[in-house]
Amino acid sequence: MLFISTGEFHFPNRPAAGIAVRTVREYRGDTEVIFNGFKDIDYEICRELLG
């Protein structure tokens, strides 16, 4: 599991999403990935990065 806190610990949203998307793309396993965000901006950034 990968957790990057953009809420309480104030990690910036865009870099956090970039790390998450890059990590998922680099991982070569056969697994389902679910991106869980609490803010609309997180959703929009992930959609943009995932294409």
Protein backbone atom coordinates (compact mmCIF):
# COMPACT_ATOMS: atom_id res chain seq x y z
CA MET A 1 0.00 0.00 0.00
CA LEU A 2 1.06 3.55 -0.72
CA PHE A 3 -0.26 6.44 1.32
CA ILE A 4 0.65 10.07 0.68
CA SER A 5 -1.09 12.48 3.01
CA THR A 6 -2.10 15.75 1.35
CA GLY A 7 -4.49 16.55 4.17
CA GLU A 8 -3.27 16.71 7.74
CA PHE A 9 0.42 16.52 6.81
CA HIS A 10 0.06 19.09 3.98
CA PHE A 11 2.04 17.30 1.26
CA PRO A 12 1.26 19.20 -1.99
CA ASN A 13 -1.49 17.59 -4.10
CA ARG A 14 0.16 17.64 -7.53
CA PRO A 15 3.52 16.14 -6.42
CA ALA A 16 1.65 13.52 -4.37
CA ALA A 17 -0.45 12.50 -7.36
CA GLY A 18 2.66 12.43 -9.56
CA ILE A 19 4.42 10.08 -7.14
CA ALA A 20 1.38 7.81 -6.94
CA VAL A 21 0.82 7.64 -10.71
CA ARG A 22 4.53 7.11 -11.44
CA THR A 23 4.75 4.35 -8.83
CA VAL A 24 1.73 2.55 -10.29
CA ARG A 25 3.09 2.80 -13.83
CA GLU A 26 6.51 1.48 -12.78
CA TYR A 27 5.05 -1.47 -10.87
CA ARG A 28 4.91 -4.54 -13.08
CA GLY A 29 2.64 -6.75 -10.97
CA ASP A 30 -0.84 -7.96 -11.83
CA THR A 31 -2.99 -6.06 -9.37
CA GLU A 32 -5.94 -3.70 -9.20
CA VAL A 33 -5.09 -0.14 -8.21
CA ILE A 34 -7.57 2.25 -6.61
CA PHE A 35 -6.76 5.93 -6.23
CA ASN A 36 -8.61 7.34 -3.23
CA GLY A 37 -8.84 11.10 -2.92
CA PHE A 38 -10.92 13.30 -0.66
CA LYS A 39 -10.96 16.49 -2.71
CA ASP A 40 -12.17 17.21 -6.22
CA ILE A 41 -8.75 18.65 -7.06
CA ASP A 42 -7.14 15.28 -6.28
CA TYR A 43 -9.52 13.59 -8.72
CA GLU A 44 -8.83 16.15 -11.43
CA ILE A 45 -5.05 15.93 -11.04
CA CYS A 46 -5.08 12.12 -11.19
CA ARG A 47 -7.33 12.13 -14.28
CA GLU A 48 -4.94 14.57 -15.95
CA LEU A 49 -1.86 12.53 -15.09
CA LEU A 50 -3.43 9.21 -16.06
CA GLY A 51 -4.60 10.59 -19.41
